[in-house]
Amino acid sequence: MSTMKFCRECNNILYPKENKEQKTLLFACRNCEHQEVADNHCVYRNEVQHSAGERTQVLQDVAADPTLPRTKTIRCTRCNHPEVVFFQAAARGEEGMTLFFVCCNPDCGHRWRD
């Protein structure tokens, strides 16, 4: 899919337009009345790509978040630190919510899920 379509008649940009009677998506020129049926129904797509460092930083910041609940009844499975933060979130590729734990030891930052 190209990012922009251009008119075959006058080379101006074609804009998405709905044909309400036929319930189809068209691309129409605002200059010369040229129209063509869309070959793809996707008008705009925004793909956000995160670097691995960004994802890691978010989870490390979780341990310092004062609004998240903490517990001293669960110890870190890696360093045995007595305090962890926990929260629920949807895990990738799974239905429902998953309980995540993050170690509060700044030297560890280990994260796991229940």
Protein backbone atom coordinates (compact mmCIF):
# COMPACT_ATOMS: atom_id res chain seq x y z
CA MET A 1 0.00 0.00 0.00
CA SER A 2 1.46 3.34 -0.99
CA THR A 3 1.23 6.15 1.50
CA MET A 4 -0.35 8.60 -0.97
CA LYS A 5 -2.26 8.19 -4.20
CA PHE A 6 -2.14 10.70 -7.05
CA CYS A 7 -4.65 11.57 -9.75
CA ARG A 8 -3.93 10.08 -13.21
CA GLU A 9 -5.45 13.14 -14.88
CA CYS A 10 -3.87 16.10 -13.08
CA ASN A 11 -1.33 14.60 -10.60
CA ASN A 12 -3.00 16.09 -7.52
CA ILE A 13 -3.46 14.08 -4.33
CA LEU A 14 -6.41 11.69 -4.19
CA TYR A 15 -8.40 11.83 -0.97
CA PRO A 16 -10.49 9.03 0.58
CA LYS A 17 -14.20 9.37 -0.16
CA GLU A 18 -17.15 7.16 0.72
CA ASN A 19 -19.70 6.12 -1.91
CA LYS A 20 -22.71 5.79 0.39
CA GLU A 21 -25.00 4.25 -2.23
CA GLN A 22 -22.65 1.41 -3.18
CA LYS A 23 -20.97 1.33 0.25
CA THR A 24 -17.47 1.40 -1.22
CA LEU A 25 -14.34 3.38 -0.54
CA LEU A 26 -13.10 5.63 -3.33
CA PHE A 27 -10.13 7.88 -3.80
CA ALA A 28 -11.23 11.16 -5.39
CA CYS A 29 -9.44 14.16 -6.83
CA ARG A 30 -10.65 17.52 -5.52
CA ASN A 31 -9.42 19.25 -8.64
CA CYS A 32 -10.74 17.33 -11.67
CA GLU A 33 -13.50 14.93 -10.51
CA HIS A 34 -11.37 11.81 -11.18
CA GLN A 35 -12.26 8.89 -8.88
CA GLU A 36 -11.00 5.35 -8.49
CA VAL A 37 -12.11 2.46 -6.32
CA ALA A 38 -9.79 1.77 -3.40
CA ASP A 39 -7.88 -1.48 -3.66
CA ASN A 40 -7.36 -1.53 0.11
CA HIS A 41 -9.83 -0.45 2.79
CA CYS A 42 -7.12 0.83 5.09
CA VAL A 43 -6.97 4.63 4.82
CA TYR A 44 -4.39 5.28 7.53
CA ARG A 45 -2.15 3.04 9.59
CA ASN A 46 0.06 4.17 12.44
CA GLU A 47 2.66 1.64 13.55
CA VAL A 48 4.42 2.47 16.79
CA GLN A 49 7.69 0.64 17.26
CA HIS A 50 9.40 0.63 20.62
CA SER A 51 13.02 -0.12 21.19
CA ALA A 52 13.88 -2.82 23.73
CA GLY A 53 15.34 -0.12 25.98
CA GLU A 54 12.05 1.74 26.12
CA ARG A 55 10.16 -1.36 27.25
CA THR A 56 12.76 -2.17 29.89
CA GLN A 57 12.72 1.41 31.20
CA VAL A 58 8.96 1.29 31.68
CA LEU A 59 9.20 -1.83 33.82
CA GLN A 60 12.11 -0.46 35.85
CA ASP A 61 10.14 2.73 36.52
CA VAL A 62 7.29 0.62 37.87
CA ALA A 63 9.30 -0.20 41.00
CA ALA A 64 9.63 3.52 41.79
CA ASP A 65 5.94 4.30 41.19
CA PRO A 66 4.42 5.28 44.57
CA THR A 67 0.85 4.72 43.32
CA LEU A 68 1.32 0.98 42.73
CA PRO A 69 0.71 -1.53 45.53
CA ARG A 70 3.71 -3.10 47.26
CA THR A 71 3.99 -6.22 49.32
CA LYS A 72 6.52 -7.62 51.73
CA THR A 73 4.92 -11.07 51.78
CA ILE A 74 6.47 -12.02 48.41
CA ARG A 75 10.23 -12.04 47.92
CA CYS A 76 12.11 -11.53 44.68
CA THR A 77 12.80 -14.88 43.04
CA ARG A 78 16.24 -13.71 41.89
CA CYS A 79 17.81 -11.64 44.72
CA ASN A 80 15.46 -12.49 47.63
CA HIS A 81 14.70 -8.78 48.23
CA PRO A 82 11.79 -8.51 50.71
CA GLU A 83 9.68 -5.97 48.76
CA VAL A 84 8.02 -6.16 45.36
CA VAL A 85 5.55 -4.06 43.38
CA PHE A 86 2.67 -5.81 41.68
CA PHE A 87 0.08 -4.85 39.06
CA GLN A 88 -2.32 -6.43 36.61
CA ALA A 89 -2.05 -6.05 32.86
CA ALA A 90 -3.01 -7.92 29.72
CA ALA A 91 -0.18 -10.20 28.63
CA ARG A 92 0.66 -10.34 24.93
CA GLY A 93 -1.23 -13.09 23.13
CA GLU A 94 -3.30 -14.06 26.16
CA GLU A 95 -6.86 -13.36 27.17
CA GLY A 96 -7.66 -11.86 30.54
CA MET A 97 -5.38 -10.15 32.99
CA THR A 98 -2.04 -11.35 34.34
CA LEU A 99 -0.47 -10.45 37.69
CA PHE A 100 3.03 -9.02 37.23
CA PHE A 101 5.68 -8.56 39.96
CA VAL A 102 8.72 -6.26 39.87
CA CYS A 103 11.52 -6.34 42.44
CA CYS A 104 12.02 -3.04 44.31
CA ASN A 105 15.77 -3.59 44.65
CA PRO A 106 17.29 -1.00 42.25
CA ASP A 107 20.26 -3.30 41.57
CA CYS A 108 17.96 -6.16 40.55
CA GLY A 109 14.71 -4.97 38.91
CA HIS A 110 13.73 -8.58 38.19
CA ARG A 111 10.21 -8.99 36.83
CA TRP A 112 8.02 -12.08 36.67
CA ARG A 113 4.39 -12.99 36.45
CA ASP A 114 2.09 -15.20 38.42
